PDB file of N, CA and C in Angstrom:
ATOM      1  N   MET A   1       0.460  -6.798 -21.467  1.00  0.00           N
ATOM      2  CA  MET A   1      -0.264  -7.339 -20.341  1.00  0.00           C
ATOM      3  C   MET A   1      -0.562  -6.239 -19.334  1.00  0.00           C
ATOM      4  N   GLY A   2      -1.766  -6.197 -18.843  1.00  0.00           N
ATOM      5  CA  GLY A   2      -2.136  -5.211 -17.844  1.00  0.00           C
ATOM      6  C   GLY A   2      -1.806  -5.682 -16.447  1.00  0.00           C
ATOM      7  N   PRO A   3      -2.152  -4.880 -15.443  1.00  0.00           N
ATOM      8  CA  PRO A   3      -1.909  -5.254 -14.050  1.00  0.00           C
ATOM      9  C   PRO A   3      -2.662  -6.531 -13.692  1.00  0.00           C
ATOM     10  N   LYS A   4      -2.178  -7.242 -12.707  1.00  0.00           N
ATOM     11  CA  LYS A   4      -2.814  -8.480 -12.274  1.00  0.00           C
ATOM     12  C   LYS A   4      -3.177  -8.399 -10.797  1.00  0.00           C
ATOM     13  N   VAL A   5      -4.176  -9.148 -10.404  1.00  0.00           N
ATOM     14  CA  VAL A   5      -4.614  -9.241  -9.017  1.00  0.00           C
ATOM     15  C   VAL A   5      -4.570 -10.702  -8.629  1.00  0.00           C
ATOM     16  N   SER A   6      -4.049 -11.019  -7.453  1.00  0.00           N
ATOM     17  CA  SER A   6      -4.029 -12.401  -6.976  1.00  0.00           C
ATOM     18  C   SER A   6      -5.334 -12.718  -6.272  1.00  0.00           C
ATOM     19  N   SER A   7      -5.806 -13.914  -6.458  1.00  0.00           N
ATOM     20  CA  SER A   7      -7.080 -14.327  -5.888  1.00  0.00           C
ATOM     21  C   SER A   7      -7.002 -15.808  -5.536  1.00  0.00           C
ATOM     22  N   PRO A   8      -7.629 -16.221  -4.417  1.00  0.00           N
ATOM     23  CA  PRO A   8      -7.608 -17.651  -4.110  1.00  0.00           C
ATOM     24  C   PRO A   8      -8.461 -18.426  -5.106  1.00  0.00           C
ATOM     25  N   ARG A   9      -7.976 -19.591  -5.526  1.00  0.00           N
ATOM     26  CA  ARG A   9      -8.698 -20.444  -6.469  1.00  0.00           C
ATOM     27  C   ARG A   9      -9.954 -21.012  -5.821  1.00  0.00           C
ATOM     28  N   ILE A  10      -9.829 -21.441  -4.574  1.00  0.00           N
ATOM     29  CA  ILE A  10     -10.949 -22.025  -3.841  1.00  0.00           C
ATOM     30  C   ILE A  10     -10.960 -21.427  -2.435  1.00  0.00           C
ATOM     31  N   ALA A  11     -12.026 -21.638  -1.724  1.00  0.00           N
ATOM     32  CA  ALA A  11     -12.107 -21.143  -0.347  1.00  0.00           C
ATOM     33  C   ALA A  11     -11.169 -21.970   0.511  1.00  0.00           C
ATOM     34  N   ILE A  12     -10.058 -21.373   0.921  1.00  0.00           N
ATOM     35  CA  ILE A  12      -9.072 -22.049   1.744  1.00  0.00           C
ATOM     36  C   ILE A  12      -8.691 -21.152   2.902  1.00  0.00           C
ATOM     37  N   ALA A  13      -8.082 -21.732   3.908  1.00  0.00           N
ATOM     38  CA  ALA A  13      -7.584 -20.935   5.025  1.00  0.00           C
ATOM     39  C   ALA A  13      -6.481 -20.015   4.508  1.00  0.00           C
ATOM     40  N   PRO A  14      -6.314 -18.816   5.070  1.00  0.00           N
ATOM     41  CA  PRO A  14      -5.277 -17.896   4.605  1.00  0.00           C
ATOM     42  C   PRO A  14      -3.891 -18.539   4.635  1.00  0.00           C
ATOM     43  N   ILE A  15      -3.158 -18.358   3.549  1.00  0.00           N
ATOM     44  CA  ILE A  15      -1.801 -18.885   3.430  1.00  0.00           C
ATOM     45  C   ILE A  15      -0.879 -17.684   3.265  1.00  0.00           C
ATOM     46  N   PRO A  16       0.115 -17.519   4.140  1.00  0.00           N
ATOM     47  CA  PRO A  16       0.944 -16.316   4.115  1.00  0.00           C
ATOM     48  C   PRO A  16       1.827 -16.175   2.881  1.00  0.00           C
ATOM     49  N   GLU A  17       2.218 -17.290   2.240  1.00  0.00           N
ATOM     50  CA  GLU A  17       3.083 -17.190   1.073  1.00  0.00           C
ATOM     51  C   GLU A  17       2.324 -17.623  -0.178  1.00  0.00           C
ATOM     52  N   ARG A  18       2.958 -17.419  -1.338  1.00  0.00           N
ATOM     53  CA  ARG A  18       2.313 -17.838  -2.593  1.00  0.00           C
ATOM     54  C   ARG A  18       2.123 -19.348  -2.587  1.00  0.00           C
ATOM     55  N   HIS A  19       1.058 -19.782  -3.221  1.00  0.00           N
ATOM     56  CA  HIS A  19       0.674 -21.190  -3.195  1.00  0.00           C
ATOM     57  C   HIS A  19       0.029 -21.524  -4.535  1.00  0.00           C
ATOM     58  N   ARG A  20       0.040 -22.787  -4.940  1.00  0.00           N
ATOM     59  CA  ARG A  20      -0.527 -23.175  -6.235  1.00  0.00           C
ATOM     60  C   ARG A  20      -2.029 -22.945  -6.320  1.00  0.00           C
ATOM     61  N   ASP A  21      -2.703 -22.790  -5.184  1.00  0.00           N
ATOM     62  CA  ASP A  21      -4.147 -22.558  -5.194  1.00  0.00           C
ATOM     63  C   ASP A  21      -4.509 -21.088  -5.378  1.00  0.00           C
ATOM     64  N   TRP A  22      -3.517 -20.243  -5.682  1.00  0.00           N
ATOM     65  CA  TRP A  22      -3.787 -18.836  -5.965  1.00  0.00           C
ATOM     66  C   TRP A  22      -3.712 -18.610  -7.468  1.00  0.00           C
ATOM     67  N   LEU A  23      -4.617 -17.820  -7.986  1.00  0.00           N
ATOM     68  CA  LEU A  23      -4.657 -17.484  -9.409  1.00  0.00           C
ATOM     69  C   LEU A  23      -4.283 -16.020  -9.600  1.00  0.00           C
ATOM     70  N   LYS A  24      -3.744 -15.707 -10.783  1.00  0.00           N
ATOM     71  CA  LYS A  24      -3.541 -14.309 -11.160  1.00  0.00           C
ATOM     72  C   LYS A  24      -4.643 -13.966 -12.156  1.00  0.00           C
ATOM     73  N   ILE A  25      -5.352 -12.890 -11.868  1.00  0.00           N
ATOM     74  CA  ILE A  25      -6.486 -12.491 -12.687  1.00  0.00           C
ATOM     75  C   ILE A  25      -6.198 -11.112 -13.261  1.00  0.00           C
ATOM     76  N   LYS A  26      -6.409 -10.947 -14.564  1.00  0.00           N
ATOM     77  CA  LYS A  26      -6.146  -9.668 -15.205  1.00  0.00           C
ATOM     78  C   LYS A  26      -7.097  -8.602 -14.671  1.00  0.00           C
ATOM     79  N   CYS A  27      -6.533  -7.452 -14.338  1.00  0.00           N
ATOM     80  CA  CYS A  27      -7.314  -6.317 -13.839  1.00  0.00           C
ATOM     81  C   CYS A  27      -7.866  -5.545 -15.036  1.00  0.00           C
ATOM     82  N   ILE A  28      -9.185  -5.434 -15.133  1.00  0.00           N
ATOM     83  CA  ILE A  28      -9.818  -4.758 -16.263  1.00  0.00           C
ATOM     84  C   ILE A  28      -9.850  -3.248 -16.048  1.00  0.00           C
ATOM     85  N   GLN A  29     -10.129  -2.817 -14.840  1.00  0.00           N
ATOM     86  CA  GLN A  29     -10.155  -1.395 -14.522  1.00  0.00           C
ATOM     87  C   GLN A  29      -9.028  -1.085 -13.556  1.00  0.00           C
ATOM     88  N   SER A  30      -8.397   0.072 -13.737  1.00  0.00           N
ATOM     89  CA  SER A  30      -7.350   0.479 -12.810  1.00  0.00           C
ATOM     90  C   SER A  30      -7.352   1.990 -12.684  1.00  0.00           C
ATOM     91  N   GLU A  31      -6.733   2.460 -11.645  1.00  0.00           N
ATOM     92  CA  GLU A  31      -6.646   3.894 -11.387  1.00  0.00           C
ATOM     93  C   GLU A  31      -5.299   4.163 -10.741  1.00  0.00           C
ATOM     94  N   SER A  32      -4.773   5.342 -10.949  1.00  0.00           N
ATOM     95  CA  SER A  32      -3.490   5.708 -10.350  1.00  0.00           C
ATOM     96  C   SER A  32      -3.713   6.380  -9.003  1.00  0.00           C
ATOM     97  N   PHE A  33      -2.826   6.070  -8.065  1.00  0.00           N
ATOM     98  CA  PHE A  33      -2.894   6.648  -6.736  1.00  0.00           C
ATOM     99  C   PHE A  33      -1.528   7.196  -6.369  1.00  0.00           C
ATOM    100  N   ALA A  34      -1.511   8.175  -5.497  1.00  0.00           N
ATOM    101  CA  ALA A  34      -0.262   8.728  -4.974  1.00  0.00           C
ATOM    102  C   ALA A  34      -0.047   8.184  -3.569  1.00  0.00           C
ATOM    103  N   ILE A  35       1.206   7.857  -3.240  1.00  0.00           N
ATOM    104  CA  ILE A  35       1.524   7.491  -1.868  1.00  0.00           C
ATOM    105  C   ILE A  35       1.641   8.795  -1.091  1.00  0.00           C
ATOM    106  N   VAL A  36       0.776   8.989  -0.104  1.00  0.00           N
ATOM    107  CA  VAL A  36       0.768  10.238   0.659  1.00  0.00           C
ATOM    108  C   VAL A  36       1.300  10.041   2.078  1.00  0.00           C
ATOM    109  N   GLY A  37       1.713   8.819   2.397  1.00  0.00           N
ATOM    110  CA  GLY A  37       2.278   8.533   3.709  1.00  0.00           C
ATOM    111  C   GLY A  37       2.273   7.048   3.963  1.00  0.00           C
ATOM    112  N   TRP A  38       2.659   6.680   5.177  1.00  0.00           N
ATOM    113  CA  TRP A  38       2.622   5.279   5.573  1.00  0.00           C
ATOM    114  C   TRP A  38       2.432   5.179   7.069  1.00  0.00           C
ATOM    115  N   GLU A  39       1.903   4.032   7.493  1.00  0.00           N
ATOM    116  CA  GLU A  39       1.794   3.746   8.918  1.00  0.00           C
ATOM    117  C   GLU A  39       3.003   2.915   9.290  1.00  0.00           C
ATOM    118  N   GLN A  40       3.680   3.319  10.338  1.00  0.00           N
ATOM    119  CA  GLN A  40       4.867   2.606  10.775  1.00  0.00           C
ATOM    120  C   GLN A  40       4.497   1.293  11.452  1.00  0.00           C
ATOM    121  N   SER A  41       5.390   0.329  11.332  1.00  0.00           N
ATOM    122  CA  SER A  41       5.229  -0.966  11.973  1.00  0.00           C
ATOM    123  C   SER A  41       6.597  -1.436  12.425  1.00  0.00           C
ATOM    124  N   MET A  42       6.684  -2.023  13.584  1.00  0.00           N
ATOM    125  CA  MET A  42       7.965  -2.536  14.059  1.00  0.00           C
ATOM    126  C   MET A  42       8.228  -3.962  13.566  1.00  0.00           C
ATOM    127  N   VAL A  43       7.248  -4.592  12.914  1.00  0.00           N
ATOM    128  CA  VAL A  43       7.431  -5.954  12.444  1.00  0.00           C
ATOM    129  C   VAL A  43       7.437  -6.077  10.920  1.00  0.00           C
ATOM    130  N   ALA A  44       6.885  -5.122  10.214  1.00  0.00           N
ATOM    131  CA  ALA A  44       6.800  -5.205   8.752  1.00  0.00           C
ATOM    132  C   ALA A  44       8.125  -4.830   8.098  1.00  0.00           C
ATOM    133  N   ARG A  45       8.260  -5.191   6.835  1.00  0.00           N
ATOM    134  CA  ARG A  45       9.454  -4.857   6.060  1.00  0.00           C
ATOM    135  C   ARG A  45       9.706  -3.361   6.084  1.00  0.00           C
ATOM    136  N   ALA A  46      10.929  -2.980   6.366  1.00  0.00           N
ATOM    137  CA  ALA A  46      11.357  -1.576   6.378  1.00  0.00           C
ATOM    138  C   ALA A  46      10.489  -0.730   7.312  1.00  0.00           C
ATOM    139  N   HIS A  47       9.791  -1.390   8.231  1.00  0.00           N
ATOM    140  CA  HIS A  47       8.906  -0.722   9.199  1.00  0.00           C
ATOM    141  C   HIS A  47       7.750   0.010   8.523  1.00  0.00           C
ATOM    142  N   ILE A  48       7.376  -0.425   7.320  1.00  0.00           N
ATOM    143  CA  ILE A  48       6.222   0.145   6.622  1.00  0.00           C
ATOM    144  C   ILE A  48       5.058  -0.808   6.831  1.00  0.00           C
ATOM    145  N   GLY A  49       4.087  -0.398   7.650  1.00  0.00           N
ATOM    146  CA  GLY A  49       2.923  -1.241   7.896  1.00  0.00           C
ATOM    147  C   GLY A  49       1.988  -1.237   6.703  1.00  0.00           C
ATOM    148  N   THR A  50       1.464  -0.086   6.363  1.00  0.00           N
ATOM    149  CA  THR A  50       0.619   0.071   5.187  1.00  0.00           C
ATOM    150  C   THR A  50       0.961   1.385   4.511  1.00  0.00           C
ATOM    151  N   LEU A  51       0.708   1.444   3.228  1.00  0.00           N
ATOM    152  CA  LEU A  51       0.875   2.686   2.485  1.00  0.00           C
ATOM    153  C   LEU A  51      -0.447   3.442   2.507  1.00  0.00           C
ATOM    154  N   LEU A  52      -0.387   4.741   2.745  1.00  0.00           N
ATOM    155  CA  LEU A  52      -1.577   5.595   2.702  1.00  0.00           C
ATOM    156  C   LEU A  52      -1.661   6.175   1.302  1.00  0.00           C
ATOM    157  N   LEU A  53      -2.825   6.071   0.682  1.00  0.00           N
ATOM    158  CA  LEU A  53      -2.984   6.451  -0.716  1.00  0.00           C
ATOM    159  C   LEU A  53      -3.909   7.641  -0.891  1.00  0.00           C
ATOM    160  N   GLY A  54      -3.605   8.454  -1.888  1.00  0.00           N
ATOM    161  CA  GLY A  54      -4.429   9.605  -2.223  1.00  0.00           C
ATOM    162  C   GLY A  54      -4.719   9.617  -3.712  1.00  0.00           C
ATOM    163  N   ALA A  55      -5.761  10.331  -4.089  1.00  0.00           N
ATOM    164  CA  ALA A  55      -6.130  10.471  -5.499  1.00  0.00           C
ATOM    165  C   ALA A  55      -6.746  11.854  -5.697  1.00  0.00           C
ATOM    166  N   MET A  56      -6.710  12.312  -6.925  1.00  0.00           N
ATOM    167  CA  MET A  56      -7.302  13.609  -7.254  1.00  0.00           C
ATOM    168  C   MET A  56      -8.815  13.449  -7.401  1.00  0.00           C
ATOM    169  N   LYS A  57      -9.539  14.219  -6.644  1.00  0.00           N
ATOM    170  CA  LYS A  57     -11.002  14.253  -6.716  1.00  0.00           C
ATOM    171  C   LYS A  57     -11.419  15.720  -6.743  1.00  0.00           C
ATOM    172  N   GLU A  58     -12.089  16.109  -7.806  1.00  0.00           N
ATOM    173  CA  GLU A  58     -12.550  17.491  -7.971  1.00  0.00           C
ATOM    174  C   GLU A  58     -11.405  18.492  -7.808  1.00  0.00           C
ATOM    175  N   GLY A  59     -10.240  18.150  -8.386  1.00  0.00           N
ATOM    176  CA  GLY A  59      -9.095  19.047  -8.379  1.00  0.00           C
ATOM    177  C   GLY A  59      -8.318  19.112  -7.079  1.00  0.00           C
ATOM    178  N   LYS A  60      -8.619  18.220  -6.138  1.00  0.00           N
ATOM    179  CA  LYS A  60      -7.964  18.231  -4.834  1.00  0.00           C
ATOM    180  C   LYS A  60      -7.453  16.834  -4.501  1.00  0.00           C
ATOM    181  N   LEU A  61      -6.246  16.757  -3.920  1.00  0.00           N
ATOM    182  CA  LEU A  61      -5.702  15.474  -3.487  1.00  0.00           C
ATOM    183  C   LEU A  61      -6.388  15.071  -2.182  1.00  0.00           C
ATOM    184  N   VAL A  62      -7.029  13.892  -2.171  1.00  0.00           N
ATOM    185  CA  VAL A  62      -7.757  13.429  -0.992  1.00  0.00           C
ATOM    186  C   VAL A  62      -7.303  12.018  -0.632  1.00  0.00           C
ATOM    187  N   TYR A  63      -7.380  11.685   0.658  1.00  0.00           N
ATOM    188  CA  TYR A  63      -7.065  10.347   1.150  1.00  0.00           C
ATOM    189  C   TYR A  63      -8.157   9.396   0.678  1.00  0.00           C
ATOM    190  N   ILE A  64      -7.761   8.270   0.083  1.00  0.00           N
ATOM    191  CA  ILE A  64      -8.770   7.328  -0.406  1.00  0.00           C
ATOM    192  C   ILE A  64      -8.664   5.945   0.234  1.00  0.00           C
ATOM    193  N   GLY A  65      -7.611   5.694   1.005  1.00  0.00           N
ATOM    194  CA  GLY A  65      -7.491   4.403   1.667  1.00  0.00           C
ATOM    195  C   GLY A  65      -6.048   3.991   1.847  1.00  0.00           C
ATOM    196  N   SER A  66      -5.861   2.748   2.248  1.00  0.00           N
ATOM    197  CA  SER A  66      -4.511   2.239   2.479  1.00  0.00           C
ATOM    198  C   SER A  66      -4.399   0.839   1.896  1.00  0.00           C
ATOM    199  N   ASP A  67      -3.159   0.388   1.741  1.00  0.00           N
ATOM    200  CA  ASP A  67      -2.916  -0.925   1.178  1.00  0.00           C
ATOM    201  C   ASP A  67      -1.611  -1.470   1.731  1.00  0.00           C
ATOM    202  N   GLY A  68      -1.562  -2.763   1.992  1.00  0.00           N
ATOM    203  CA  GLY A  68      -0.314  -3.398   2.388  1.00  0.00           C
ATOM    204  C   GLY A  68       0.658  -3.378   1.228  1.00  0.00           C
ATOM    205  N   THR A  69       1.935  -3.457   1.512  1.00  0.00           N
ATOM    206  CA  THR A  69       2.914  -3.305   0.446  1.00  0.00           C
ATOM    207  C   THR A  69       3.048  -4.546  -0.418  1.00  0.00           C
ATOM    208  N   GLY A  70       3.198  -5.716   0.189  1.00  0.00           N
ATOM    209  CA  GLY A  70       3.351  -6.944  -0.584  1.00  0.00           C
ATOM    210  C   GLY A  70       4.581  -6.951  -1.466  1.00  0.00           C
ATOM    211  N   ILE A  71       5.661  -6.303  -1.038  1.00  0.00           N
ATOM    212  CA  ILE A  71       6.874  -6.223  -1.845  1.00  0.00           C
ATOM    213  C   ILE A  71       8.042  -6.883  -1.118  1.00  0.00           C
ATOM    214  N   LYS A  72       9.103  -7.176  -1.868  1.00  0.00           N
ATOM    215  CA  LYS A  72      10.292  -7.807  -1.313  1.00  0.00           C
ATOM    216  C   LYS A  72      10.981  -6.873  -0.326  1.00  0.00           C
ATOM    217  N   ASP A  73      11.751  -7.465   0.594  1.00  0.00           N
ATOM    218  CA  ASP A  73      12.490  -6.682   1.595  1.00  0.00           C
ATOM    219  C   ASP A  73      13.349  -5.602   0.954  1.00  0.00           C
ATOM    220  N   SER A  74      14.128  -5.962  -0.067  1.00  0.00           N
ATOM    221  CA  SER A  74      15.035  -4.990  -0.686  1.00  0.00           C
ATOM    222  C   SER A  74      14.263  -3.827  -1.300  1.00  0.00           C
ATOM    223  N   GLU A  75      13.127  -4.109  -1.921  1.00  0.00           N
ATOM    224  CA  GLU A  75      12.306  -3.052  -2.519  1.00  0.00           C
ATOM    225  C   GLU A  75      11.650  -2.200  -1.432  1.00  0.00           C
ATOM    226  N   ALA A  76      11.263  -2.811  -0.320  1.00  0.00           N
ATOM    227  CA  ALA A  76      10.650  -2.067   0.787  1.00  0.00           C
ATOM    228  C   ALA A  76      11.634  -1.052   1.353  1.00  0.00           C
ATOM    229  N   TRP A  77      12.906  -1.456   1.501  1.00  0.00           N
ATOM    230  CA  TRP A  77      13.904  -0.523   2.029  1.00  0.00           C
ATOM    231  C   TRP A  77      14.180   0.605   1.048  1.00  0.00           C
ATOM    232  N   LYS A  78      14.175   0.311  -0.263  1.00  0.00           N
ATOM    233  CA  LYS A  78      14.353   1.367  -1.269  1.00  0.00           C
ATOM    234  C   LYS A  78      13.186   2.355  -1.208  1.00  0.00           C
ATOM    235  N   LEU A  79      11.976   1.818  -1.097  1.00  0.00           N
ATOM    236  CA  LEU A  79      10.795   2.662  -1.007  1.00  0.00           C
ATOM    237  C   LEU A  79      10.842   3.528   0.243  1.00  0.00           C
ATOM    238  N   ARG A  80      11.236   2.938   1.361  1.00  0.00           N
ATOM    239  CA  ARG A  80      11.336   3.685   2.620  1.00  0.00           C
ATOM    240  C   ARG A  80      12.318   4.849   2.479  1.00  0.00           C
ATOM    241  N   GLU A  81      13.472   4.588   1.858  1.00  0.00           N
ATOM    242  CA  GLU A  81      14.463   5.642   1.660  1.00  0.00           C
ATOM    243  C   GLU A  81      13.912   6.757   0.766  1.00  0.00           C
ATOM    244  N   LEU A  82      13.231   6.373  -0.315  1.00  0.00           N
ATOM    245  CA  LEU A  82      12.630   7.381  -1.199  1.00  0.00           C
ATOM    246  C   LEU A  82      11.604   8.231  -0.451  1.00  0.00           C
ATOM    247  N   MET A  83      10.766   7.583   0.360  1.00  0.00           N
ATOM    248  CA  MET A  83       9.722   8.318   1.083  1.00  0.00           C
ATOM    249  C   MET A  83      10.322   9.219   2.157  1.00  0.00           C
ATOM    250  N   GLU A  84      11.340   8.747   2.861  1.00  0.00           N
ATOM    251  CA  GLU A  84      11.963   9.572   3.900  1.00  0.00           C
ATOM    252  C   GLU A  84      12.608  10.818   3.303  1.00  0.00           C
ATOM    253  N   ASN A  85      13.146  10.702   2.097  1.00  0.00           N
ATOM    254  CA  ASN A  85      13.771  11.842   1.435  1.00  0.00           C
ATOM    255  C   ASN A  85      12.756  12.835   0.881  1.00  0.00           C
ATOM    256  N   ARG A  86      11.486  12.469   0.898  1.00  0.00           N
ATOM    257  CA  ARG A  86      10.434  13.332   0.359  1.00  0.00           C
ATOM    258  C   ARG A  86       9.363  13.660   1.402  1.00  0.00           C
ATOM    259  N   THR A  87       9.732  13.649   2.644  1.00  0.00           N
ATOM    260  CA  THR A  87       8.782  13.914   3.715  1.00  0.00           C
ATOM    261  C   THR A  87       8.327  15.364   3.679  1.00  0.00           C
ATOM    262  N   ALA A  88       7.015  15.566   3.725  1.00  0.00           N
ATOM    263  CA  ALA A  88       6.435  16.913   3.720  1.00  0.00           C
ATOM    264  C   ALA A  88       6.396  17.465   5.138  1.00  0.00           C
ATOM    265  N   ARG A  89       6.429  18.777   5.255  1.00  0.00           N
ATOM    266  CA  ARG A  89       6.365  19.426   6.573  1.00  0.00           C
ATOM    267  C   ARG A  89       4.960  19.368   7.167  1.00  0.00           C
ATOM    268  N   ARG A  90       3.969  19.229   6.313  1.00  0.00           N
ATOM    269  CA  ARG A  90       2.583  19.134   6.776  1.00  0.00           C
ATOM    270  C   ARG A  90       1.891  18.016   6.007  1.00  0.00           C
ATOM    271  N   ALA A  91       0.796  17.526   6.542  1.00  0.00           N
ATOM    272  CA  ALA A  91       0.054  16.440   5.893  1.00  0.00           C
ATOM    273  C   ALA A  91      -0.464  16.896   4.531  1.00  0.00           C
ATOM    274  N   LEU A  92      -0.348  16.042   3.541  1.00  0.00           N
ATOM    275  CA  LEU A  92      -0.833  16.360   2.199  1.00  0.00           C
ATOM    276  C   LEU A  92      -2.337  16.186   2.074  1.00  0.00           C
ATOM    277  N   VAL A  93      -2.890  15.312   2.927  1.00  0.00           N
ATOM    278  CA  VAL A  93      -4.326  15.043   2.907  1.00  0.00           C
ATOM    279  C   VAL A  93      -4.815  14.906   4.344  1.00  0.00           C
ATOM    280  N   ALA A  94      -6.114  15.084   4.548  1.00  0.00           N
ATOM    281  CA  ALA A  94      -6.699  14.864   5.873  1.00  0.00           C
ATOM    282  C   ALA A  94      -6.730  13.363   6.127  1.00  0.00           C
ATOM    283  N   TYR A  95      -6.249  12.927   7.297  1.00  0.00           N
ATOM    284  CA  TYR A  95      -6.186  11.511   7.637  1.00  0.00           C
ATOM    285  C   TYR A  95      -6.536  11.350   9.100  1.00  0.00           C
ATOM    286  N   SER A  96      -7.570  10.548   9.388  1.00  0.00           N
ATOM    287  CA  SER A  96      -7.988  10.350  10.768  1.00  0.00           C
ATOM    288  C   SER A  96      -7.318   9.126  11.391  1.00  0.00           C
ATOM    289  N   GLY A  97      -6.733   8.287  10.583  1.00  0.00           N
ATOM    290  CA  GLY A  97      -6.009   7.119  11.087  1.00  0.00           C
ATOM    291  C   GLY A  97      -6.920   5.963  11.399  1.00  0.00           C
ATOM    292  N   GLY A  98      -6.392   4.769  11.158  1.00  0.00           N
ATOM    293  CA  GLY A  98      -7.184   3.577  11.421  1.00  0.00           C
ATOM    294  C   GLY A  98      -6.455   2.592  12.309  1.00  0.00           C
ATOM    295  N   SER A  99      -5.282   2.978  12.801  1.00  0.00           N
ATOM    296  CA  SER A  99      -4.538   2.068  13.658  1.00  0.00           C
ATOM    297  C   SER A  99      -3.921   2.829  14.813  1.00  0.00           C
ATOM    298  N   LYS A 100      -3.266   2.077  15.682  1.00  0.00           N
ATOM    299  CA  LYS A 100      -2.639   2.711  16.839  1.00  0.00           C
ATOM    300  C   LYS A 100      -1.358   3.446  16.466  1.00  0.00           C
ATOM    301  N   ASP A 101      -0.794   3.116  15.278  1.00  0.00           N
ATOM    302  CA  ASP A 101       0.440   3.739  14.848  1.00  0.00           C
ATOM    303  C   ASP A 101       0.188   5.122  14.257  1.00  0.00           C
ATOM    304  N   THR A 102       1.176   5.956  14.325  1.00  0.00           N
ATOM    305  CA  THR A 102       1.086   7.302  13.784  1.00  0.00           C
ATOM    306  C   THR A 102       1.524   7.284  12.332  1.00  0.00           C
ATOM    307  N   PRO A 103       0.724   7.821  11.403  1.00  0.00           N
ATOM    308  CA  PRO A 103       1.151   7.871  10.009  1.00  0.00           C
ATOM    309  C   PRO A 103       2.306   8.846   9.851  1.00  0.00           C
ATOM    310  N   VAL A 104       3.142   8.554   8.874  1.00  0.00           N
ATOM    311  CA  VAL A 104       4.295   9.410   8.583  1.00  0.00           C
ATOM    312  C   VAL A 104       4.024  10.175   7.321  1.00  0.00           C
TER     313      VAL A 104
END
Protein backbone atom coordinates (compact mmCIF):
# COMPACT_ATOMS: atom_id res chain seq x y z
CA MET A 1 0.00 0.00 0.00
CA GLY A 2 1.28 3.45 -0.87
CA PRO A 3 0.91 6.68 1.10
CA LYS A 4 -2.61 7.94 1.76
CA VAL A 5 -4.15 11.41 1.85
CA SER A 6 -7.23 12.28 3.91
CA SER A 7 -10.00 14.13 2.14
CA PRO A 8 -13.51 15.21 3.14
CA ARG A 9 -16.24 13.00 1.64
CA ILE A 10 -18.62 15.93 1.21
CA ALA A 11 -18.45 19.69 1.66
CA ILE A 12 -18.72 20.04 5.43
CA ALA A 13 -17.60 22.53 8.03
CA PRO A 14 -14.03 21.83 9.25
CA ILE A 15 -13.93 19.11 11.90
CA PRO A 16 -10.81 19.09 14.10
CA GLU A 17 -10.76 15.32 14.71
CA ARG A 18 -11.21 12.28 12.46
CA HIS A 19 -14.79 11.74 11.40
CA ARG A 20 -16.70 9.15 9.33
CA ASP A 21 -17.18 11.74 6.57
CA TRP A 22 -13.44 11.70 5.81
CA LEU A 23 -12.02 9.33 3.20
CA LYS A 24 -8.50 7.99 2.75
CA ILE A 25 -7.38 8.28 -0.85
CA LYS A 26 -4.33 6.52 -2.26
CA CYS A 27 -1.57 8.93 -3.28
CA ILE A 28 -0.49 8.20 -6.86
CA GLN A 29 2.46 10.59 -6.99
CA SER A 30 4.83 11.30 -4.12
CA GLU A 31 8.14 12.98 -3.50
CA SER A 32 10.61 12.94 -0.64
CA PHE A 33 11.30 16.06 1.38
CA ALA A 34 13.81 16.94 4.08
CA ILE A 35 12.78 18.65 7.30
CA VAL A 36 14.95 21.78 7.29
CA GLY A 37 13.41 23.45 10.34
CA TRP A 38 10.19 24.26 12.12
CA GLU A 39 8.15 27.22 13.25
CA GLN A 40 7.69 27.31 16.99
CA SER A 41 4.24 27.45 18.53
CA MET A 42 3.24 27.79 22.17
CA VAL A 43 -0.01 25.87 21.61
CA ALA A 44 0.92 23.05 19.21
CA ARG A 45 2.24 19.62 20.19
CA ALA A 46 5.86 19.79 21.36
CA HIS A 47 5.73 23.50 20.38
CA ILE A 48 6.12 22.56 16.70
CA GLY A 49 3.78 24.78 14.70
CA THR A 50 4.70 23.66 11.20
CA LEU A 51 7.56 21.73 9.67
CA LEU A 52 9.67 23.58 7.10
CA LEU A 53 10.47 21.36 4.13
CA GLY A 54 13.26 21.32 1.58
CA ALA A 55 13.98 19.34 -1.58
CA MET A 56 16.85 18.96 -4.00
CA LYS A 57 16.43 21.15 -7.08
CA GLU A 58 19.25 21.39 -9.61
CA GLY A 59 21.70 19.89 -7.11
CA LYS A 60 20.86 22.36 -4.33
CA LEU A 61 18.68 21.99 -1.23
CA VAL A 62 15.91 24.63 -1.46
CA TYR A 63 12.92 25.56 0.72
CA ILE A 64 9.74 24.27 -0.90
CA GLY A 65 7.06 24.93 1.73
CA SER A 66 5.69 23.92 5.09
CA ASP A 67 3.22 21.42 6.47
CA GLY A 68 1.42 20.86 9.75
CA THR A 69 2.57 17.79 11.63
CA GLY A 70 -0.70 15.93 12.22
CA ILE A 71 1.06 13.47 14.55
CA LYS A 72 0.40 12.15 18.05
CA ASP A 73 1.76 14.02 21.09
CA SER A 74 4.30 11.29 21.91
CA GLU A 75 5.62 11.25 18.33
CA ALA A 76 5.78 15.07 18.24
CA TRP A 77 8.00 15.11 21.34
CA LYS A 78 10.27 12.42 19.84
CA LEU A 79 10.53 14.44 16.64
CA ARG A 80 11.28 17.61 18.59
CA GLU A 81 14.09 15.86 20.48
CA LEU A 82 15.56 14.49 17.24
CA MET A 83 15.45 17.93 15.60
CA GLU A 84 16.96 19.73 18.61
CA ASN A 85 19.87 17.27 18.60
CA ARG A 86 20.52 18.06 14.93
CA THR A 87 20.29 21.84 14.94
CA ALA A 88 22.54 23.48 12.35
CA ARG A 89 24.64 26.55 13.13
CA ARG A 90 23.33 28.28 10.01
CA ALA A 91 20.17 28.00 7.92
CA LEU A 92 20.24 25.11 5.46
CA VAL A 93 17.97 26.94 3.02
CA ALA A 94 16.86 30.52 2.37
CA TYR A 95 13.60 31.14 4.27
CA SER A 96 11.69 34.42 4.39
CA GLY A 97 9.08 33.17 6.86
CA GLY A 98 5.34 33.21 6.68
CA SER A 99 4.37 33.73 10.29
CA LYS A 100 5.16 35.86 13.29
CA ASP A 101 7.17 33.02 14.83
CA THR A 102 10.87 32.56 14.22
CA PRO A 103 11.82 29.34 12.41
CA VAL A 104 14.28 27.07 14.18
